[in-house]
């Protein structure tokens, strides 16, 4: 695992310390990791929504078995990459 140093203004540092004091997180690192995961999830959802909207406005076409295999292959690769990051 890699280390990072960050600088926060006092009000933000106090807020983070408060989150830990309330027992919601066991450490600053845990809190920051949770924020990063939430941001990743938000961006993935926004990307998915954009792709769905693009698909809805595009030309209709039939999905073949090969199309579904490729979609499944890409999804499994993304899941494996996510698991490797944790």
C-alpha atoms as a PDB file:
ATOM      1  CA  UNK A   1       0.000   0.000   0.000  1.00  0.00           C
ATOM      2  CA  UNK A   2       1.251   3.467  -0.885  1.00  0.00           C
ATOM      3  CA  UNK A   3       1.242   6.490   1.414  1.00  0.00           C
ATOM      4  CA  UNK A   4       0.113  10.013   0.539  1.00  0.00           C
ATOM      5  CA  UNK A   5       0.461  13.212   2.472  1.00  0.00           C
ATOM      6  CA  UNK A   6      -2.301  15.784   2.187  1.00  0.00           C
ATOM      7  CA  UNK A   7      -2.687  19.256   3.599  1.00  0.00           C
ATOM      8  CA  UNK A   8      -6.046  20.475   4.878  1.00  0.00           C
ATOM      9  CA  UNK A   9      -7.177  23.828   6.206  1.00  0.00           C
ATOM     10  CA  UNK A  10      -8.037  23.709   9.914  1.00  0.00           C
ATOM     11  CA  UNK A  11     -11.839  23.575   9.426  1.00  0.00           C
ATOM     12  CA  UNK A  12     -11.560  20.534   7.159  1.00  0.00           C
ATOM     13  CA  UNK A  13      -9.099  18.824   9.502  1.00  0.00           C
ATOM     14  CA  UNK A  14     -11.499  19.396  12.389  1.00  0.00           C
ATOM     15  CA  UNK A  15     -14.354  17.959  10.356  1.00  0.00           C
ATOM     16  CA  UNK A  16     -12.363  14.812   9.526  1.00  0.00           C
ATOM     17  CA  UNK A  17     -11.283  14.442  13.155  1.00  0.00           C
ATOM     18  CA  UNK A  18     -14.944  14.778  14.159  1.00  0.00           C
ATOM     19  CA  UNK A  19     -15.944  11.959  11.817  1.00  0.00           C
ATOM     20  CA  UNK A  20     -13.365   9.708  13.425  1.00  0.00           C
ATOM     21  CA  UNK A  21     -14.306  10.813  16.965  1.00  0.00           C
ATOM     22  CA  UNK A  22     -17.932   9.880  16.244  1.00  0.00           C
ATOM     23  CA  UNK A  23     -16.755   6.354  15.501  1.00  0.00           C
ATOM     24  CA  UNK A  24     -17.867   6.408  11.897  1.00  0.00           C
ATOM     25  CA  UNK A  25     -14.306   5.645  10.757  1.00  0.00           C
ATOM     26  CA  UNK A  26     -11.354   4.159  12.575  1.00  0.00           C
ATOM     27  CA  UNK A  27      -8.724   6.381  10.931  1.00  0.00           C
ATOM     28  CA  UNK A  28      -8.163   9.291   8.592  1.00  0.00           C
ATOM     29  CA  UNK A  29      -6.973   6.817   5.956  1.00  0.00           C
ATOM     30  CA  UNK A  30     -10.201   4.843   6.174  1.00  0.00           C
ATOM     31  CA  UNK A  31     -12.221   8.044   5.786  1.00  0.00           C
ATOM     32  CA  UNK A  32     -10.236   9.181   2.735  1.00  0.00           C
ATOM     33  CA  UNK A  33     -10.467   5.724   1.131  1.00  0.00           C
ATOM     34  CA  UNK A  34     -14.251   5.788   1.598  1.00  0.00           C
ATOM     35  CA  UNK A  35     -14.445   9.237  -0.040  1.00  0.00           C
ATOM     36  CA  UNK A  36     -12.386   8.035  -2.992  1.00  0.00           C
ATOM     37  CA  UNK A  37     -14.540   4.912  -3.417  1.00  0.00           C
ATOM     38  CA  UNK A  38     -17.697   7.041  -3.315  1.00  0.00           C
ATOM     39  CA  UNK A  39     -16.242   9.356  -5.960  1.00  0.00           C
ATOM     40  CA  UNK A  40     -15.286   6.395  -8.151  1.00  0.00           C
ATOM     41  CA  UNK A  41     -18.812   5.024  -7.836  1.00  0.00           C
ATOM     42  CA  UNK A  42     -20.385   8.405  -8.650  1.00  0.00           C
ATOM     43  CA  UNK A  43     -18.220   8.800 -11.748  1.00  0.00           C
ATOM     44  CA  UNK A  44     -18.938   5.240 -12.916  1.00  0.00           C
ATOM     45  CA  UNK A  45     -22.680   5.844 -12.501  1.00  0.00           C
ATOM     46  CA  UNK A  46     -22.455   9.119 -14.439  1.00  0.00           C
ATOM     47  CA  UNK A  47     -20.512   7.364 -17.218  1.00  0.00           C
ATOM     48  CA  UNK A  48     -23.086   4.578 -17.349  1.00  0.00           C
ATOM     49  CA  UNK A  49     -25.950   7.060 -17.501  1.00  0.00           C
ATOM     50  CA  UNK A  50     -24.241   8.958 -20.337  1.00  0.00           C
ATOM     51  CA  UNK A  51     -23.717   5.729 -22.263  1.00  0.00           C
ATOM     52  CA  UNK A  52     -27.322   4.660 -21.710  1.00  0.00           C
ATOM     53  CA  UNK A  53     -28.595   8.020 -22.932  1.00  0.00           C
ATOM     54  CA  UNK A  54     -26.288   7.805 -25.936  1.00  0.00           C
ATOM     55  CA  UNK A  55     -27.611   4.338 -26.678  1.00  0.00           C
ATOM     56  CA  UNK A  56     -31.218   5.440 -26.347  1.00  0.00           C
ATOM     57  CA  UNK A  57     -30.701   8.254 -28.825  1.00  0.00           C
ATOM     58  CA  UNK A  58     -28.738   6.115 -31.284  1.00  0.00           C
ATOM     59  CA  UNK A  59     -29.804   3.862 -34.110  1.00  0.00           C
ATOM     60  CA  UNK A  60     -31.461   0.624 -33.049  1.00  0.00           C
ATOM     61  CA  UNK A  61     -29.698  -2.621 -33.895  1.00  0.00           C
ATOM     62  CA  UNK A  62     -29.993  -6.262 -32.923  1.00  0.00           C
ATOM     63  CA  UNK A  63     -27.590  -7.603 -30.302  1.00  0.00           C
ATOM     64  CA  UNK A  64     -25.831 -10.775 -31.347  1.00  0.00           C
ATOM     65  CA  UNK A  65     -24.456 -13.524 -29.111  1.00  0.00           C
ATOM     66  CA  UNK A  66     -20.975 -12.200 -29.926  1.00  0.00           C
ATOM     67  CA  UNK A  67     -22.005  -8.720 -28.720  1.00  0.00           C
ATOM     68  CA  UNK A  68     -23.172 -10.154 -25.381  1.00  0.00           C
ATOM     69  CA  UNK A  69     -19.960 -12.194 -24.998  1.00  0.00           C
ATOM     70  CA  UNK A  70     -17.871  -9.056 -25.568  1.00  0.00           C
ATOM     71  CA  UNK A  71     -19.946  -7.041 -23.069  1.00  0.00           C
ATOM     72  CA  UNK A  72     -19.584  -9.818 -20.481  1.00  0.00           C
ATOM     73  CA  UNK A  73     -15.826 -10.060 -21.097  1.00  0.00           C
ATOM     74  CA  UNK A  74     -15.372  -6.295 -20.603  1.00  0.00           C
ATOM     75  CA  UNK A  75     -17.518  -6.256 -17.457  1.00  0.00           C
ATOM     76  CA  UNK A  76     -15.603  -9.155 -15.899  1.00  0.00           C
ATOM     77  CA  UNK A  77     -12.283  -7.456 -16.698  1.00  0.00           C
ATOM     78  CA  UNK A  78     -13.468  -4.247 -15.007  1.00  0.00           C
ATOM     79  CA  UNK A  79     -14.616  -6.208 -11.926  1.00  0.00           C
ATOM     80  CA  UNK A  80     -11.278  -8.001 -11.702  1.00  0.00           C
ATOM     81  CA  UNK A  81      -9.404  -4.696 -11.957  1.00  0.00           C
ATOM     82  CA  UNK A  82     -11.539  -3.199  -9.187  1.00  0.00           C
ATOM     83  CA  UNK A  83     -10.951  -6.180  -6.910  1.00  0.00           C
ATOM     84  CA  UNK A  84      -7.211  -5.955  -7.552  1.00  0.00           C
ATOM     85  CA  UNK A  85      -7.247  -2.284  -6.400  1.00  0.00           C
ATOM     86  CA  UNK A  86      -8.677  -3.211  -2.993  1.00  0.00           C
END
